[in-house]
Amino acid sequence: MSRSDTDGLDRRAVVAELLRDTADTPGGELLVVTGLGSTTYDAGAAGDRPENFYLWGAMGGAAMIGLGIALAQPSRRVLVVTGDGEMLMGMGALSTVAARAPGNMSIVVMDNGQFGETGQQASHTALGTDLAAVAAACGWKTTMTLTRMDEVVALRPRLRREVIFAVIRISTAEVARFLPPRDGATLTTRFRAALGIAPD
C-alpha cells in the first residue's frame, strides 16, 4: 500500500488553498494550529501571521491544543492542520474532542502515509489505518477523505462554519522547508495579542 510521489495532491497547494482568505471567517481571523513538521512549514509558506500557532515539538498534541483554544475562544473558528504521523500519535484526542464537541473546531490531516520527520518510514495509514473511519467511530459527525483538488476547494468555506474531520491524501514528494518563527515565547505572545489578551 505504499504511495509514490505521483499519488496524492501537492501539499503546499492544498494548505495554501485551505488558508486562503482567512479573514473571511465568522468571528474574525481563522485561528490555525499546525502539527510538528511539514504542516508547520506548509502553513508558514502560505503566509506567516499572528493567528498561526506552530508546534515545533509536542508531537501528537496539535488536536488537544486546538481543543483548548476552541473552548477558550468559542466565538472564533479554530482549524488544526496536522499530518498523519502526528495524528496517529495523538489518536486519543479524537475521542476527547468529539466528547467535548466544540462547535468551532475542525481538523485536517495531511496524509502522505509516511513519518516524514523521522525518515519517511511507512505510517499506519499506508498499512491500513483509516483515520476518517477512526474519527467517525470516536463520535465525529462529519468525516471525509479527499483525493482531488476540487474537493479541497469545496472544503475551504465549510471549514469556516462547520465541524469537520478531513483527511487529504497528499503526495510523498519532498518539498523545500519553509521555516516560520520558531521561538515559543514569541509565538505565544503574538498569538495572545492577536486574540486581544493582555500580556501577563
Protein backbone atom coordinates (compact mmCIF):
# COMPACT_ATOMS: atom_id res chain seq x y z
CA MET A 1 0.00 0.00 0.00
CA SER A 2 2.98 2.32 -0.30
CA ARG A 3 2.36 5.61 -2.03
CA SER A 4 4.52 7.21 -4.72
CA ASP A 5 5.46 10.82 -5.39
CA THR A 6 2.78 10.97 -8.09
CA ASP A 7 -0.01 9.63 -5.85
CA GLY A 8 -1.81 12.34 -3.98
CA LEU A 9 -2.02 16.11 -4.06
CA ASP A 10 0.69 18.72 -3.73
CA ARG A 11 0.79 19.56 -0.02
CA ARG A 12 1.76 23.21 -0.46
CA ALA A 13 -1.08 23.83 -2.89
CA VAL A 14 -3.54 22.14 -0.54
CA VAL A 15 -2.55 24.16 2.53
CA ALA A 16 -2.38 27.39 0.53
CA GLU A 17 -5.96 26.77 -0.58
CA LEU A 18 -7.18 25.87 2.91
CA LEU A 19 -5.62 29.03 4.38
CA ARG A 20 -6.73 31.37 1.61
CA ASP A 21 -8.93 34.27 2.72
CA THR A 22 -8.60 33.51 6.44
CA ALA A 23 -10.27 36.83 7.27
CA ASP A 24 -13.47 35.57 5.64
CA THR A 25 -14.33 33.70 8.84
CA PRO A 26 -17.18 34.30 11.30
CA GLY A 27 -15.89 35.89 14.49
CA GLY A 28 -12.63 37.12 12.99
CA GLU A 29 -9.44 35.72 11.52
CA LEU A 30 -9.26 31.92 11.38
CA LEU A 31 -7.09 30.55 14.19
CA VAL A 32 -4.73 27.84 12.93
CA VAL A 33 -2.77 25.26 14.93
CA THR A 34 -0.22 23.21 12.99
CA GLY A 35 1.32 19.89 13.92
CA LEU A 36 5.02 19.23 14.26
CA GLY A 37 6.94 19.21 10.99
CA SER A 38 5.74 19.64 7.44
CA THR A 39 2.32 21.16 8.17
CA THR A 40 4.10 23.95 10.04
CA TYR A 41 6.31 24.56 7.00
CA ASP A 42 3.25 24.47 4.73
CA ALA A 43 1.26 26.97 6.80
CA GLY A 44 4.23 29.30 7.07
CA ALA A 45 4.77 29.14 3.32
CA ALA A 46 1.10 30.01 2.79
CA GLY A 47 1.67 33.21 4.77
CA ASP A 48 3.01 33.67 8.29
CA ARG A 49 0.59 35.55 10.55
CA PRO A 50 -0.01 36.01 14.28
CA GLU A 51 -3.09 33.76 14.19
CA ASN A 52 -0.92 30.76 13.24
CA PHE A 53 0.25 28.74 16.23
CA TYR A 54 3.05 26.44 15.07
CA LEU A 55 4.09 23.40 17.06
CA TRP A 56 7.82 22.82 16.92
CA GLY A 57 7.54 20.00 19.42
CA ALA A 58 4.72 18.34 21.39
CA MET A 59 4.32 15.53 18.85
CA GLY A 60 0.73 14.34 18.97
CA GLY A 61 -0.54 17.46 20.74
CA ALA A 62 -1.99 19.55 17.91
CA ALA A 63 -5.61 18.43 18.32
CA MET A 64 -5.60 18.95 22.08
CA ILE A 65 -4.03 22.40 21.79
CA GLY A 66 -6.66 23.23 19.18
CA LEU A 67 -9.36 21.99 21.55
CA GLY A 68 -8.09 24.18 24.36
CA ILE A 69 -8.13 27.23 22.11
CA ALA A 70 -11.59 26.38 20.75
CA LEU A 71 -13.03 26.06 24.26
CA ALA A 72 -11.34 29.26 25.46
CA GLN A 73 -12.38 31.24 22.35
CA PRO A 74 -15.89 29.96 21.49
CA SER A 75 -16.61 32.89 19.17
CA ARG A 76 -13.59 32.12 16.97
CA ARG A 77 -13.10 29.37 14.39
CA VAL A 78 -10.16 27.02 15.01
CA LEU A 79 -8.52 24.83 12.37
CA VAL A 80 -5.96 22.19 13.24
CA VAL A 81 -3.77 21.21 10.28
CA THR A 82 -1.57 18.24 11.01
CA GLY A 83 0.00 15.16 9.46
CA ASP A 84 -0.92 11.50 9.62
CA GLY A 85 2.05 10.64 11.85
CA GLU A 86 1.26 13.39 14.35
CA MET A 87 -2.44 12.48 14.38
CA LEU A 88 -1.66 8.80 14.88
CA MET A 89 0.48 9.65 17.92
CA GLY A 90 -2.37 11.72 19.39
CA MET A 91 -5.24 9.50 18.27
CA GLY A 92 -6.88 9.51 21.68
CA ALA A 93 -7.51 13.22 21.18
CA LEU A 94 -10.14 12.36 18.58
CA SER A 95 -12.35 10.88 21.31
CA THR A 96 -11.76 13.80 23.67
CA VAL A 97 -12.56 16.42 21.03
CA ALA A 98 -15.68 14.53 19.96
CA ALA A 99 -16.81 14.19 23.58
CA ARG A 100 -16.35 17.91 24.27
CA ALA A 101 -17.92 18.70 20.88
CA PRO A 102 -16.74 22.28 20.35
CA GLY A 103 -18.85 23.84 17.62
CA ASN A 104 -15.97 25.94 16.31
CA MET A 105 -13.15 23.48 15.57
CA SER A 106 -12.15 21.30 12.62
CA ILE A 107 -9.16 19.06 11.96
CA VAL A 108 -7.49 18.48 8.60
CA VAL A 109 -4.95 15.66 8.34
CA MET A 110 -2.41 15.82 5.53
CA ASP A 111 -1.88 12.13 4.85
CA ASN A 112 1.13 11.00 2.83
CA GLY A 113 1.37 7.62 4.52
CA GLN A 114 4.79 8.44 5.97
CA PHE A 115 6.53 9.54 9.14
CA GLY A 116 8.21 12.44 7.37
CA GLU A 117 10.23 13.82 10.26
CA THR A 118 11.99 10.56 11.06
CA GLY A 119 12.96 9.22 7.65
CA GLN A 120 9.84 8.58 5.54
CA GLN A 121 9.01 5.23 7.10
CA ALA A 122 5.54 3.98 6.16
CA SER A 123 2.95 5.18 8.64
CA HIS A 124 -0.06 3.18 9.77
CA THR A 125 -2.25 4.96 7.21
CA ALA A 126 -0.16 3.29 4.49
CA LEU A 127 -0.69 -0.02 6.26
CA GLY A 128 -4.47 0.04 6.59
CA THR A 129 -5.49 2.58 9.25
CA ASP A 130 -8.34 4.82 8.07
CA LEU A 131 -8.21 7.97 10.20
CA ALA A 132 -11.57 9.26 8.91
CA ALA A 133 -13.21 6.00 10.00
CA VAL A 134 -11.45 6.21 13.38
CA ALA A 135 -12.74 9.77 13.86
CA ALA A 136 -16.26 8.68 12.96
CA ALA A 137 -16.06 5.83 15.46
CA CYS A 138 -14.92 8.36 18.09
CA GLY A 139 -18.08 10.39 17.53
CA TRP A 140 -17.20 12.96 14.88
CA LYS A 141 -20.38 13.61 12.91
CA THR A 142 -18.77 14.76 9.64
CA THR A 143 -15.69 12.95 8.38
CA MET A 144 -14.27 12.64 4.90
CA THR A 145 -11.27 11.62 2.83
CA LEU A 146 -10.32 13.87 -0.08
CA THR A 147 -8.20 12.96 -3.09
CA ARG A 148 -8.91 15.78 -5.57
CA MET A 149 -8.12 19.48 -5.54
CA ASP A 150 -11.69 20.46 -6.41
CA GLU A 151 -12.75 18.72 -3.19
CA VAL A 152 -10.22 20.80 -1.25
CA VAL A 153 -11.56 23.98 -2.85
CA ALA A 154 -15.09 22.99 -1.79
CA LEU A 155 -13.90 22.14 1.73
CA ARG A 156 -12.30 25.52 2.44
CA PRO A 157 -15.51 27.54 3.04
CA ARG A 158 -17.06 24.68 5.00
CA LEU A 159 -14.17 24.78 7.47
CA ARG A 160 -15.22 28.34 8.32
CA ARG A 161 -18.70 27.30 9.51
CA GLU A 162 -18.85 23.53 10.18
CA VAL A 163 -17.18 20.95 12.41
CA ILE A 164 -15.30 18.58 10.12
CA PHE A 165 -12.60 15.94 10.35
CA ALA A 166 -10.98 15.65 6.92
CA VAL A 167 -8.13 13.50 5.65
CA ILE A 168 -6.45 14.79 2.49
CA ARG A 169 -4.29 12.36 0.54
CA ILE A 170 -1.08 14.11 -0.41
CA SER A 171 1.98 13.13 -2.40
CA THR A 172 5.09 11.73 -0.73
CA ALA A 173 7.24 14.15 -2.75
CA GLU A 174 9.72 16.17 -0.72
CA VAL A 175 9.02 19.90 -0.52
CA ALA A 176 11.59 22.52 0.45
CA ARG A 177 11.23 23.53 4.08
CA PHE A 178 9.88 26.97 4.87
CA LEU A 179 10.73 27.84 8.45
CA PRO A 180 8.33 30.29 10.13
CA PRO A 181 9.19 31.75 13.57
CA ARG A 182 10.42 29.08 15.97
CA ASP A 183 10.68 30.85 19.32
CA GLY A 184 7.92 29.51 21.54
CA ALA A 185 7.64 32.62 23.70
CA THR A 186 7.36 34.86 20.64
CA LEU A 187 4.72 32.64 19.05
CA THR A 188 2.70 32.54 22.25
CA THR A 189 2.93 36.29 22.85
CA ARG A 190 1.87 37.25 19.34
CA PHE A 191 -0.95 34.66 19.29
CA ARG A 192 -2.29 36.01 22.58
CA ALA A 193 -2.04 39.55 21.24
CA ALA A 194 -3.99 38.51 18.13
CA LEU A 195 -6.73 37.28 20.48
CA GLY A 196 -6.71 40.57 22.37
CA ILE A 197 -5.28 39.02 25.53
CA ALA A 198 -3.14 41.42 27.51
CA PRO A 199 0.44 40.36 28.36
CA ASP A 200 0.98 38.85 31.80
